[in-house]
Protein backbone atom coordinates (compact mmCIF):
# COMPACT_ATOMS: atom_id res chain seq x y z
CA MET A 1 363.56 122.36 257.30
CA ASP A 2 363.40 118.79 255.98
CA ASP A 3 359.60 118.81 256.30
CA GLU A 4 359.50 121.49 253.57
CA ARG A 5 361.40 119.39 251.05
CA GLY A 6 359.68 117.51 248.26
CA THR A 7 359.28 113.76 248.39
CA ASP A 8 362.15 113.30 245.95
CA GLY A 9 364.59 115.52 247.90
CA THR A 10 364.04 118.72 245.95
CA ASP A 11 363.44 122.03 247.68
CA ARG A 12 359.79 122.34 246.68
CA PRO A 13 356.86 120.35 248.05
CA ASP A 14 355.64 119.65 244.49
CA GLY A 15 358.91 117.84 243.73
CA THR A 16 360.30 120.33 241.21
CA ASP A 17 363.83 121.64 241.62
CA ARG A 18 364.04 125.20 240.31
CA THR A 19 367.49 126.09 241.57
CA ASP A 20 368.83 126.68 238.04
CA GLY A 21 366.10 129.25 237.46
CA GLU A 22 364.79 127.86 234.15
CA VAL A 23 361.60 125.84 233.94
CA ARG A 24 359.19 124.58 231.30
CA ALA A 25 355.48 124.29 231.96
CA ARG A 26 352.43 123.18 230.03
CA LEU A 27 349.42 125.29 230.95
CA TYR A 28 346.03 124.05 229.80
CA VAL A 29 343.53 126.91 229.77
CA ARG A 30 339.79 126.19 229.78
CA GLY A 31 337.02 128.70 229.15
CA ARG A 32 336.07 130.94 226.23
CA VAL A 33 339.62 131.01 224.88
CA GLN A 34 339.30 130.04 221.21
CA GLY A 35 338.36 132.48 218.46
CA VAL A 36 338.81 135.56 220.66
CA GLY A 37 342.51 136.46 220.18
CA PHE A 38 343.63 134.61 223.30
CA ARG A 39 346.68 132.91 221.69
CA TRP A 40 347.95 136.19 220.23
CA TRP A 41 347.51 137.96 223.56
CA THR A 42 349.36 135.08 225.27
CA ARG A 43 352.19 135.30 222.73
CA SER A 44 352.60 139.04 223.41
CA ARG A 45 352.69 138.58 227.20
CA ALA A 46 355.11 135.64 226.93
CA ARG A 47 357.49 137.63 224.71
CA GLU A 48 357.35 140.58 227.13
CA LEU A 49 358.38 138.16 229.89
CA GLY A 50 361.26 136.74 227.80
CA LEU A 51 359.72 133.28 227.46
CA VAL A 52 359.96 130.80 224.60
CA GLY A 53 357.34 128.24 223.58
CA HIS A 54 353.91 128.29 221.97
CA ALA A 55 350.17 128.63 222.41
CA ARG A 56 347.84 126.38 220.41
CA ASN A 57 344.19 125.42 220.30
CA THR A 58 343.28 121.87 221.30
CA ALA A 59 340.45 119.81 219.83
CA ASP A 60 338.52 119.90 223.13
CA GLY A 61 338.26 123.71 223.17
CA ARG A 62 341.16 124.51 225.49
CA VAL A 63 344.37 126.37 224.71
CA GLU A 64 347.67 124.67 225.48
CA VAL A 65 350.43 127.09 226.45
CA VAL A 66 353.98 125.74 226.62
CA ALA A 67 356.24 128.28 228.28
CA GLN A 68 359.95 128.00 229.07
CA GLY A 69 362.29 130.45 230.73
CA ALA A 70 363.00 131.99 234.10
CA ALA A 71 360.85 130.45 236.81
CA GLU A 72 359.57 133.87 237.87
CA ALA A 73 358.53 134.69 234.29
CA VAL A 74 356.64 131.41 233.82
CA ASP A 75 354.90 132.00 237.16
CA ALA A 76 354.03 135.56 236.08
CA LEU A 77 352.49 134.30 232.83
CA GLU A 78 350.41 131.79 234.78
CA VAL A 79 349.12 134.59 237.03
CA LEU A 80 348.11 136.61 233.95
CA LEU A 81 346.35 133.58 232.47
CA ARG A 82 344.45 132.86 235.69
CA GLU A 83 343.51 136.44 236.55
CA GLU A 84 339.71 136.84 236.50
CA PRO A 85 338.54 139.38 235.76
CA SER A 86 341.55 140.36 233.71
CA THR A 87 343.19 143.68 234.48
CA SER A 88 345.59 143.31 231.55
CA GLY A 89 343.14 143.30 228.64
CA ARG A 90 343.16 139.53 228.20
CA PRO A 91 340.49 138.47 225.70
CA GLY A 92 337.94 135.78 226.41
CA ARG A 93 337.14 134.20 229.76
CA VAL A 94 339.27 131.74 231.73
CA ASP A 95 337.48 129.15 233.85
CA ALA A 96 340.50 127.05 234.85
CA VAL A 97 344.24 126.64 234.27
CA VAL A 98 345.97 123.31 234.84
CA ARG A 99 349.77 123.41 235.08
CA GLN A 100 352.05 120.47 234.34
CA GLU A 101 355.78 120.82 234.85
CA ALA A 102 358.02 119.59 232.04
CA VAL A 103 361.75 119.25 231.47
CA PRO A 104 363.29 122.34 229.81
CA THR A 105 364.46 121.58 226.27
CA ASP A 106 367.39 123.00 224.34
CA GLY A 107 366.89 124.68 220.99
CA THR A 108 363.49 126.25 221.65
CA THR A 109 363.48 129.79 220.30
CA GLY A 110 360.81 132.48 220.21
CA PHE A 111 357.20 132.23 221.28
CA VAL A 112 354.61 131.51 218.59
CA GLU A 113 350.92 130.86 218.25
CA ARG A 114 349.97 127.72 216.37
């Protein structure tokens, strides 16, 4: 079983410890995702999943999604973002999603588009 542990002793090979159930992730979405309603769609899906955070356009044409909440809910949002072709009515086109884990923060409420 030790061979399945992360390099820092956590239970996941990627080194993240999700035993408390709450995570925070930055998801950078590349494709035709600006000017098509993508942030508003993301906000709706995130709220349905009970997540807090935001979705905002970046200067390089991507959308940055910061999502915090139950690990399963963050994972579910990532699946919806990556799904191509979308079966959930997602606007635009997604070419790639890059996920970066972050430390959950206190005091974050709601999910907004910026």
